[in-house]
C-alpha atoms as a PDB file:
ATOM      1  CA  MET A   1      36.766  -0.062   7.027  1.00  0.00           C
ATOM      2  CA  THR A   2      36.281   3.638   7.289  1.00  0.00           C
ATOM      3  CA  LYS A   3      36.260   6.006  10.321  1.00  0.00           C
ATOM      4  CA  ILE A   4      33.866   8.188   8.296  1.00  0.00           C
ATOM      5  CA  LYS A   5      30.275   7.611   9.059  1.00  0.00           C
ATOM      6  CA  PHE A   6      27.539   7.779   6.213  1.00  0.00           C
ATOM      7  CA  ILE A   7      23.891   7.439   6.005  1.00  0.00           C
ATOM      8  CA  ILE A   8      22.638   6.373   2.260  1.00  0.00           C
ATOM      9  CA  LEU A   9      18.977   7.366   1.216  1.00  0.00           C
ATOM     10  CA  ARG A  10      17.570   5.894  -1.635  1.00  0.00           C
ATOM     11  CA  THR A  11      14.271   8.093  -2.157  1.00  0.00           C
ATOM     12  CA  SER A  12      12.447   8.011  -5.267  1.00  0.00           C
ATOM     13  CA  ASN A  13       8.539   9.210  -6.367  1.00  0.00           C
ATOM     14  CA  ILE A  14       9.485  12.842  -4.625  1.00  0.00           C
ATOM     15  CA  TYR A  15       6.306  14.737  -5.518  1.00  0.00           C
ATOM     16  CA  GLY A  16       5.052  18.439  -4.791  1.00  0.00           C
ATOM     17  CA  PHE A  17       3.405  21.211  -7.311  1.00  0.00           C
ATOM     18  CA  ASN A  18       5.642  23.736  -9.218  1.00  0.00           C
ATOM     19  CA  SER A  19       3.743  25.403 -11.973  1.00  0.00           C
ATOM     20  CA  GLN A  20       7.761  25.852 -13.609  1.00  0.00           C
ATOM     21  CA  ASN A  21       7.578  21.699 -14.304  1.00  0.00           C
ATOM     22  CA  ASN A  22       4.588  19.822 -15.763  1.00  0.00           C
ATOM     23  CA  ARG A  23       6.574  16.414 -14.852  1.00  0.00           C
ATOM     24  CA  GLY A  24       5.376  13.768 -12.671  1.00  0.00           C
ATOM     25  CA  TYR A  25       3.165  10.951 -12.942  1.00  0.00           C
ATOM     26  CA  LEU A  26       1.385  11.969  -9.815  1.00  0.00           C
ATOM     27  CA  LEU A  27       1.066  15.975 -10.712  1.00  0.00           C
ATOM     28  CA  ASN A  28      -0.143  14.770 -13.839  1.00  0.00           C
ATOM     29  CA  LEU A  29      -2.890  12.340 -12.549  1.00  0.00           C
ATOM     30  CA  ILE A  30      -3.819  15.402  -9.814  1.00  0.00           C
ATOM     31  CA  LYS A  31      -4.091  17.594 -12.513  1.00  0.00           C
ATOM     32  CA  LYS A  32      -6.415  15.063 -14.635  1.00  0.00           C
ATOM     33  CA  ILE A  33      -8.706  14.683 -11.414  1.00  0.00           C
ATOM     34  CA  ILE A  34      -9.462  18.363 -10.442  1.00  0.00           C
ATOM     35  CA  ASN A  35     -10.001  18.768 -14.528  1.00  0.00           C
ATOM     36  CA  ASN A  36     -12.512  15.955 -14.460  1.00  0.00           C
ATOM     37  CA  LYS A  37     -10.486  14.693 -17.528  1.00  0.00           C
ATOM     38  CA  LYS A  38     -10.325  10.899 -18.527  1.00  0.00           C
ATOM     39  CA  ILE A  39      -7.334   8.667 -16.454  1.00  0.00           C
ATOM     40  CA  THR A  40      -5.871   5.818 -18.205  1.00  0.00           C
ATOM     41  CA  PHE A  41      -4.399   3.017 -16.076  1.00  0.00           C
ATOM     42  CA  TYR A  42      -1.602   0.972 -17.270  1.00  0.00           C
ATOM     43  CA  ASN A  43      -1.559  -2.925 -17.173  1.00  0.00           C
ATOM     44  CA  SER A  44      -4.157  -4.060 -13.829  1.00  0.00           C
ATOM     45  CA  GLY A  45      -3.980  -0.290 -12.169  1.00  0.00           C
ATOM     46  CA  LYS A  46      -3.522  -2.400  -8.873  1.00  0.00           C
ATOM     47  CA  GLN A  47       0.012  -1.575  -8.698  1.00  0.00           C
ATOM     48  CA  LEU A  48       1.350   0.541  -5.512  1.00  0.00           C
ATOM     49  CA  ARG A  49       4.062   3.107  -5.023  1.00  0.00           C
ATOM     50  CA  ASP A  50       4.974   5.364  -2.275  1.00  0.00           C
ATOM     51  CA  TYR A  51       5.412   9.142  -2.458  1.00  0.00           C
ATOM     52  CA  ILE A  52       6.709  11.701  -0.641  1.00  0.00           C
ATOM     53  CA  TYR A  53       5.570  15.212  -0.466  1.00  0.00           C
ATOM     54  CA  ILE A  54       8.763  17.606  -1.023  1.00  0.00           C
ATOM     55  CA  ASP A  55       8.159  19.403   2.155  1.00  0.00           C
ATOM     56  CA  ASP A  56       8.371  16.257   4.383  1.00  0.00           C
ATOM     57  CA  TYR A  57      11.325  14.868   2.423  1.00  0.00           C
ATOM     58  CA  VAL A  58      13.417  18.189   2.923  1.00  0.00           C
ATOM     59  CA  ASN A  59      12.369  18.500   6.249  1.00  0.00           C
ATOM     60  CA  ALA A  60      13.641  14.698   6.886  1.00  0.00           C
ATOM     61  CA  LEU A  61      16.902  15.740   5.128  1.00  0.00           C
ATOM     62  CA  TYR A  62      17.271  18.427   7.485  1.00  0.00           C
ATOM     63  CA  LYS A  63      16.474  16.221  10.934  1.00  0.00           C
ATOM     64  CA  ILE A  64      19.076  13.748   9.582  1.00  0.00           C
ATOM     65  CA  THR A  65      21.549  16.122   9.925  1.00  0.00           C
ATOM     66  CA  LYS A  66      21.182  17.442  13.017  1.00  0.00           C
ATOM     67  CA  LYS A  67      21.858  14.044  13.821  1.00  0.00           C
ATOM     68  CA  LYS A  68      24.888  12.197  15.292  1.00  0.00           C
ATOM     69  CA  ILE A  69      25.383   9.403  13.143  1.00  0.00           C
ATOM     70  CA  LYS A  70      26.312   6.300  15.353  1.00  0.00           C
ATOM     71  CA  GLU A  71      26.852   3.548  12.725  1.00  0.00           C
ATOM     72  CA  SER A  72      26.713   3.853   8.694  1.00  0.00           C
ATOM     73  CA  GLY A  73      23.850   2.415   7.192  1.00  0.00           C
ATOM     74  CA  VAL A  74      20.956   2.594   4.599  1.00  0.00           C
END
């Protein structure tokens, strides 16, 4: 057992608007909707994913760094 306390974050699907970066499913989907372009759905189109906006993610990271970790975990 280690004496170092830690928290593991398993983040995925972080999104945000960046004119320099044209990658990412959600960003491209939003652009297509805004520009009235055709949207292609794969499989049934009923798959669900959770997304988190970059500002919210950074805010959560900041709050985590300010907390005293009582026990390690994911």
